[in-house]
C-alpha atoms as a PDB file:
ATOM      1  CA  UNK A   1      12.298  25.818 -61.388  1.00  0.00           C
ATOM      2  CA  UNK A   2       9.303  26.749 -59.262  1.00  0.00           C
ATOM      3  CA  UNK A   3       9.143  26.258 -55.495  1.00  0.00           C
ATOM      4  CA  UNK A   4       7.240  23.100 -54.616  1.00  0.00           C
ATOM      5  CA  UNK A   5       4.404  24.977 -52.913  1.00  0.00           C
ATOM      6  CA  UNK A   6       3.667  26.898 -56.136  1.00  0.00           C
ATOM      7  CA  UNK A   7       3.512  23.882 -58.451  1.00  0.00           C
ATOM      8  CA  UNK A   8       0.185  22.872 -59.959  1.00  0.00           C
ATOM      9  CA  UNK A   9      -0.183  19.270 -58.799  1.00  0.00           C
ATOM     10  CA  UNK A  10      -3.652  18.758 -60.285  1.00  0.00           C
ATOM     11  CA  UNK A  11      -2.341  16.965 -63.411  1.00  0.00           C
ATOM     12  CA  UNK A  12      -0.277  14.619 -61.245  1.00  0.00           C
ATOM     13  CA  UNK A  13      -3.261  13.867 -59.033  1.00  0.00           C
ATOM     14  CA  UNK A  14      -5.392  13.164 -62.102  1.00  0.00           C
ATOM     15  CA  UNK A  15      -2.702  10.866 -63.530  1.00  0.00           C
ATOM     16  CA  UNK A  16      -2.364   9.052 -60.221  1.00  0.00           C
ATOM     17  CA  UNK A  17      -6.116   8.493 -60.017  1.00  0.00           C
ATOM     18  CA  UNK A  18      -6.077   7.178 -63.584  1.00  0.00           C
ATOM     19  CA  UNK A  19      -3.228   4.776 -62.784  1.00  0.00           C
ATOM     20  CA  UNK A  20      -5.058   3.506 -59.712  1.00  0.00           C
ATOM     21  CA  UNK A  21      -8.242   3.038 -61.733  1.00  0.00           C
ATOM     22  CA  UNK A  22      -6.319   0.960 -64.308  1.00  0.00           C
ATOM     23  CA  UNK A  23      -5.151  -1.539 -61.689  1.00  0.00           C
ATOM     24  CA  UNK A  24      -6.905  -4.895 -61.645  1.00  0.00           C
ATOM     25  CA  UNK A  25      -9.889  -4.628 -59.262  1.00  0.00           C
ATOM     26  CA  UNK A  26      -8.410  -6.998 -56.657  1.00  0.00           C
ATOM     27  CA  UNK A  27      -5.131  -5.080 -56.505  1.00  0.00           C
ATOM     28  CA  UNK A  28      -6.881  -1.702 -56.492  1.00  0.00           C
ATOM     29  CA  UNK A  29      -9.122  -2.757 -53.614  1.00  0.00           C
ATOM     30  CA  UNK A  30      -6.178  -4.008 -51.565  1.00  0.00           C
ATOM     31  CA  UNK A  31      -4.218  -0.810 -52.170  1.00  0.00           C
ATOM     32  CA  UNK A  32      -7.099   1.481 -51.293  1.00  0.00           C
ATOM     33  CA  UNK A  33      -8.044  -0.427 -48.164  1.00  0.00           C
ATOM     34  CA  UNK A  34      -4.503  -0.301 -46.822  1.00  0.00           C
ATOM     35  CA  UNK A  35      -3.637   3.263 -47.797  1.00  0.00           C
ATOM     36  CA  UNK A  36      -6.927   5.083 -47.419  1.00  0.00           C
ATOM     37  CA  UNK A  37      -8.637   3.074 -44.711  1.00  0.00           C
ATOM     38  CA  UNK A  38      -5.402   2.265 -42.904  1.00  0.00           C
ATOM     39  CA  UNK A  39      -5.940  -1.489 -42.654  1.00  0.00           C
ATOM     40  CA  UNK A  40      -2.997  -3.658 -41.728  1.00  0.00           C
ATOM     41  CA  UNK A  41      -2.232  -6.627 -43.933  1.00  0.00           C
ATOM     42  CA  UNK A  42      -3.826  -8.928 -41.355  1.00  0.00           C
ATOM     43  CA  UNK A  43      -6.969  -6.774 -41.255  1.00  0.00           C
ATOM     44  CA  UNK A  44      -6.986  -6.623 -45.041  1.00  0.00           C
ATOM     45  CA  UNK A  45      -6.806 -10.410 -45.257  1.00  0.00           C
ATOM     46  CA  UNK A  46      -9.811 -10.758 -42.952  1.00  0.00           C
ATOM     47  CA  UNK A  47     -11.788  -8.122 -44.867  1.00  0.00           C
ATOM     48  CA  UNK A  48     -11.053  -9.809 -48.202  1.00  0.00           C
ATOM     49  CA  UNK A  49     -11.416 -13.350 -46.891  1.00  0.00           C
ATOM     50  CA  UNK A  50      -7.966 -14.366 -48.133  1.00  0.00           C
ATOM     51  CA  UNK A  51      -4.734 -15.535 -46.487  1.00  0.00           C
ATOM     52  CA  UNK A  52      -2.381 -12.794 -45.257  1.00  0.00           C
ATOM     53  CA  UNK A  53       0.170 -13.789 -47.907  1.00  0.00           C
ATOM     54  CA  UNK A  54      -2.424 -13.153 -50.648  1.00  0.00           C
ATOM     55  CA  UNK A  55      -3.333  -9.767 -49.188  1.00  0.00           C
ATOM     56  CA  UNK A  56       0.352  -8.840 -48.993  1.00  0.00           C
ATOM     57  CA  UNK A  57       0.943  -9.922 -52.594  1.00  0.00           C
ATOM     58  CA  UNK A  58      -1.950  -7.836 -53.863  1.00  0.00           C
ATOM     59  CA  UNK A  59      -0.686  -4.702 -52.147  1.00  0.00           C
ATOM     60  CA  UNK A  60       2.891  -5.272 -53.319  1.00  0.00           C
ATOM     61  CA  UNK A  61       1.743  -5.914 -56.887  1.00  0.00           C
ATOM     62  CA  UNK A  62      -0.370  -2.735 -56.907  1.00  0.00           C
ATOM     63  CA  UNK A  63       2.507  -0.649 -55.542  1.00  0.00           C
ATOM     64  CA  UNK A  64       4.904  -2.058 -58.130  1.00  0.00           C
ATOM     65  CA  UNK A  65       2.498  -1.350 -60.994  1.00  0.00           C
ATOM     66  CA  UNK A  66       1.917   2.201 -59.791  1.00  0.00           C
ATOM     67  CA  UNK A  67       5.654   2.778 -59.451  1.00  0.00           C
ATOM     68  CA  UNK A  68       6.208   1.563 -63.005  1.00  0.00           C
ATOM     69  CA  UNK A  69       3.412   3.719 -64.374  1.00  0.00           C
ATOM     70  CA  UNK A  70       4.634   6.817 -62.555  1.00  0.00           C
ATOM     71  CA  UNK A  71       8.212   6.225 -63.647  1.00  0.00           C
ATOM     72  CA  UNK A  72       7.107   5.837 -67.259  1.00  0.00           C
ATOM     73  CA  UNK A  73       5.033   8.985 -67.225  1.00  0.00           C
ATOM     74  CA  UNK A  74       7.615  11.132 -65.454  1.00  0.00           C
ATOM     75  CA  UNK A  75      10.746  10.222 -67.422  1.00  0.00           C
END
């Protein structure tokens, strides 16, 4: 096998972007705001105008769907 620093990760990045794009818009938005903008769940809830529990659920649901999609593609 190749050393990790020599692997071509472009296909994985493209697949990941595709998986994120396939998420329902509400879940995708929650995931991107927390992971790319660094919002906490409380900040996310304020930004989305929803209770903290709803914001948390959206992020958890998006993570679970991405994990399933990545597991399916990589096994």
